[in-house]
Amino acid sequence: MCRVVPGRVTPRRGPLRQVIFILGTLADGDIDWIASAGRKREFADGEVLIRCGTPTDAIYIVLEGELTVSDAESGKVFSRLKSGEVIGEISLLDSRPPTADVTATGAATVLELDRATLDHKLVEDTSFASRFYHALGILLAHRLRKLTRKINFGAIDLSAIQDEPEETDFQLLESAALAGKRFDWILQTLLKR
């Protein structure tokens, strides 16, 4: 159920998953390419997917399970990532290494799209590149707005920064249904491998 506010909708069910920003913006052919070029990776409980300070060579979408994002020194958990979350996109945009560890909490499965393959596609297919970077821009704008809201409401506790019900515009909702179907298709395709 959603609470309708002029020009906005507040979801009542679960968090808004980041994958909708990516899959809702890309074309069907782009989704096919991601599913075929990406590979399914499985991680055991406690296995590190991304290590702070170590360059990452891929972008990931969580398919199943849960991952934690934590401070490498203190172990403090900043965020818990579930199915539909996107990881590694910031390191894709700049050459600096990650600033946190990402670790599997229980068994987890991700779609891994390695940087070399993605970089080649971005150079060879400028239409894909335009849509892909637009999707990343929307995703990062969403994260920045969420963080800004948290900071504006007082002292920030990084462990409290979780996706939660929030206002979403109607254009985003239109792409969310399509993105959900695309994510389900990717899940079915990759989990069969």
Protein backbone atom coordinates (compact mmCIF):
# COMPACT_ATOMS: atom_id res chain seq x y z
CA MET A 1 0.00 0.00 0.00
CA CYS A 2 1.26 3.47 -0.82
CA ARG A 3 0.44 6.83 0.64
CA VAL A 4 -0.24 9.20 -2.24
CA VAL A 5 1.00 12.76 -1.97
CA PRO A 6 0.69 15.07 -4.98
CA GLY A 7 3.56 14.09 -7.27
CA ARG A 8 4.93 11.57 -4.77
CA VAL A 9 4.27 8.07 -3.48
CA THR A 10 5.62 6.62 -0.25
CA PRO A 11 6.05 2.84 -0.45
CA ARG A 12 4.81 0.96 2.59
CA ARG A 13 6.49 -2.35 1.76
CA GLY A 14 10.18 -2.81 2.28
CA PRO A 15 13.07 -0.72 1.08
CA LEU A 16 13.54 0.69 -2.36
CA ARG A 17 16.21 -1.45 -3.96
CA GLN A 18 18.97 0.22 -5.92
CA VAL A 19 18.71 -2.14 -8.85
CA ILE A 20 15.59 -0.32 -10.06
CA PHE A 21 17.72 2.71 -10.89
CA ILE A 22 19.91 0.59 -13.15
CA LEU A 23 17.44 -1.88 -14.66
CA GLY A 24 14.65 0.66 -15.02
CA THR A 25 16.84 2.96 -17.14
CA LEU A 26 18.53 0.43 -19.43
CA ALA A 27 17.01 -1.08 -22.58
CA ASP A 28 15.97 -4.74 -22.88
CA GLY A 29 19.04 -5.49 -25.00
CA ASP A 30 21.25 -3.99 -22.29
CA ILE A 31 19.69 -6.31 -19.72
CA ASP A 32 20.30 -9.30 -22.00
CA TRP A 33 23.93 -8.26 -22.36
CA ILE A 34 24.41 -7.84 -18.59
CA ALA A 35 22.89 -11.26 -17.92
CA SER A 36 25.09 -12.94 -20.53
CA ALA A 37 28.31 -10.98 -19.84
CA GLY A 38 27.95 -11.18 -16.07
CA ARG A 39 28.63 -14.25 -14.03
CA LYS A 40 27.06 -15.70 -10.94
CA ARG A 41 29.34 -15.74 -7.88
CA GLU A 42 28.54 -17.40 -4.61
CA PHE A 43 30.05 -16.34 -1.30
CA ALA A 44 30.10 -18.25 1.99
CA ASP A 45 29.38 -16.66 5.36
CA GLY A 46 32.22 -14.30 6.28
CA GLU A 47 33.78 -14.30 2.81
CA VAL A 48 34.97 -10.84 1.71
CA LEU A 49 33.66 -9.58 -1.63
CA ILE A 50 35.34 -6.16 -1.52
CA ARG A 51 38.26 -5.23 0.74
CA CYS A 52 38.96 -1.67 1.87
CA GLY A 53 42.00 -0.23 0.08
CA THR A 54 42.14 -3.00 -2.51
CA PRO A 55 41.04 -1.94 -5.99
CA THR A 56 37.92 -3.72 -7.20
CA ASP A 57 37.62 -4.91 -10.75
CA ALA A 58 33.87 -5.43 -10.98
CA ILE A 59 30.42 -4.07 -10.28
CA TYR A 60 28.00 -6.36 -8.45
CA ILE A 61 24.26 -6.80 -8.01
CA VAL A 62 23.15 -8.83 -4.99
CA LEU A 63 20.89 -11.64 -6.19
CA GLU A 64 20.33 -13.55 -2.95
CA GLY A 65 21.47 -13.31 0.65
CA GLU A 66 22.88 -10.40 2.58
CA LEU A 67 26.18 -8.52 2.60
CA THR A 68 27.47 -6.08 5.20
CA VAL A 69 29.43 -2.92 4.49
CA SER A 70 31.79 -2.25 7.37
CA ASP A 71 34.79 -0.24 8.49
CA ALA A 72 37.93 -2.30 7.95
CA GLU A 73 39.57 -1.21 11.21
CA SER A 74 36.72 -1.08 13.71
CA GLY A 75 34.40 -3.60 12.08
CA LYS A 76 31.50 -1.18 12.56
CA VAL A 77 28.68 -2.04 10.15
CA PHE A 78 27.54 0.91 8.03
CA SER A 79 24.95 -0.87 5.95
CA ARG A 80 23.35 -4.22 5.18
CA LEU A 81 22.82 -4.98 1.51
CA LYS A 82 20.13 -7.36 0.31
CA SER A 83 18.80 -8.66 -2.97
CA GLY A 84 18.72 -5.90 -5.57
CA GLU A 85 21.49 -3.75 -4.10
CA VAL A 86 24.35 -2.50 -6.30
CA ILE A 87 27.99 -2.61 -5.14
CA GLY A 88 31.27 -1.40 -6.64
CA GLU A 89 29.84 1.35 -8.82
CA ILE A 90 31.82 4.16 -7.19
CA SER A 91 35.14 2.42 -7.81
CA LEU A 92 33.97 1.93 -11.38
CA LEU A 93 33.64 5.70 -11.78
CA ASP A 94 36.99 6.66 -10.25
CA SER A 95 40.28 4.87 -9.81
CA ARG A 96 40.44 5.11 -6.03
CA PRO A 97 40.07 1.89 -4.04
CA PRO A 98 37.00 1.11 -1.91
CA THR A 99 36.73 2.73 1.52
CA ALA A 100 34.99 -0.16 3.29
CA ASP A 101 34.84 -3.93 3.41
CA VAL A 102 31.87 -5.80 1.94
CA THR A 103 31.38 -9.24 3.50
CA ALA A 104 28.81 -12.01 3.09
CA THR A 105 26.50 -12.49 6.05
CA GLY A 106 25.47 -16.08 5.50
CA ALA A 107 25.48 -17.48 1.98
CA ALA A 108 25.15 -14.81 -0.71
CA THR A 109 24.93 -14.84 -4.50
CA VAL A 110 25.81 -11.89 -6.72
CA LEU A 111 25.92 -11.05 -10.40
CA GLU A 112 29.48 -9.96 -11.14
CA LEU A 113 30.20 -7.81 -14.18
CA ASP A 114 33.97 -7.44 -14.52
CA ARG A 115 35.42 -4.05 -15.25
CA ALA A 116 37.33 -5.01 -18.41
CA THR A 117 34.22 -6.45 -20.05
CA LEU A 118 32.10 -3.49 -18.99
CA ASP A 119 34.74 -0.95 -20.08
CA HIS A 120 34.90 -2.58 -23.52
CA LYS A 121 31.10 -2.44 -23.85
CA LEU A 122 31.04 1.21 -22.75
CA VAL A 123 33.60 2.15 -25.41
CA GLU A 124 32.07 0.07 -28.21
CA ASP A 125 28.39 0.89 -27.56
CA THR A 126 27.92 4.59 -26.87
CA SER A 127 24.14 4.27 -26.58
CA PHE A 128 24.59 1.68 -23.82
CA ALA A 129 27.22 3.91 -22.20
CA SER A 130 24.81 6.85 -22.16
CA ARG A 131 22.04 4.81 -20.54
CA PHE A 132 24.42 3.12 -18.10
CA TYR A 133 26.02 6.34 -16.86
CA HIS A 134 22.59 7.98 -16.64
CA ALA A 135 21.43 5.08 -14.46
CA LEU A 136 24.50 5.40 -12.22
CA GLY A 137 23.86 9.13 -11.92
CA ILE A 138 20.29 8.50 -10.78
CA LEU A 139 21.47 5.84 -8.31
CA LEU A 140 24.13 8.11 -6.80
CA ALA A 141 21.71 11.07 -6.63
CA HIS A 142 19.29 8.83 -4.69
CA ARG A 143 22.04 7.87 -2.24
CA LEU A 144 23.17 11.47 -1.80
CA ARG A 145 19.63 12.67 -1.10
CA LYS A 146 19.13 9.87 1.43
CA LEU A 147 22.39 10.72 3.19
CA THR A 148 21.59 14.45 3.16
CA ARG A 149 18.21 13.76 4.80
CA LYS A 150 19.93 11.73 7.51
CA ILE A 151 22.49 14.46 8.16
CA ASN A 152 19.84 17.20 8.23
CA PHE A 153 17.93 15.39 10.96
CA GLY A 154 20.80 15.62 13.41
CA ALA A 155 23.98 13.83 14.28
CA ILE A 156 24.52 11.05 11.83
CA ASP A 157 24.99 7.44 12.88
CA LEU A 158 26.30 5.65 9.79
CA SER A 159 24.88 2.33 10.95
CA ALA A 160 21.41 3.92 10.79
CA ILE A 161 21.69 4.71 7.07
CA GLN A 162 19.42 2.02 5.70
CA ASP A 163 16.97 2.04 2.86
CA GLU A 164 13.62 2.79 4.38
CA PRO A 165 10.23 3.87 3.11
CA GLU A 166 10.68 7.16 1.37
CA GLU A 167 9.02 9.43 -1.10
CA THR A 168 9.40 8.35 -4.70
CA ASP A 169 8.27 10.18 -7.79
CA PHE A 170 5.84 8.61 -10.26
CA GLN A 171 8.40 8.42 -13.07
CA LEU A 172 10.55 6.25 -10.85
CA LEU A 173 7.58 4.04 -10.02
CA GLU A 174 6.89 3.47 -13.71
CA SER A 175 10.41 2.18 -14.22
CA ALA A 176 10.31 0.21 -10.95
CA ALA A 177 7.77 -2.32 -12.25
CA LEU A 178 9.84 -2.88 -15.39
CA ALA A 179 13.04 -3.08 -13.35
CA GLY A 180 11.44 -5.65 -11.05
CA LYS A 181 10.52 -7.86 -13.98
CA ARG A 182 14.02 -7.50 -15.42
CA PHE A 183 15.62 -8.33 -12.07
CA ASP A 184 13.45 -11.45 -11.78
CA TRP A 185 14.52 -12.47 -15.29
CA ILE A 186 18.20 -11.99 -14.39
CA LEU A 187 17.69 -14.01 -11.20
CA GLN A 188 16.07 -16.87 -13.08
CA THR A 189 18.74 -16.80 -15.79
CA LEU A 190 21.76 -16.67 -13.51
CA LEU A 191 20.57 -18.91 -10.72
CA LYS A 192 20.04 -21.71 -13.27
CA ARG A 193 23.75 -21.56 -14.24
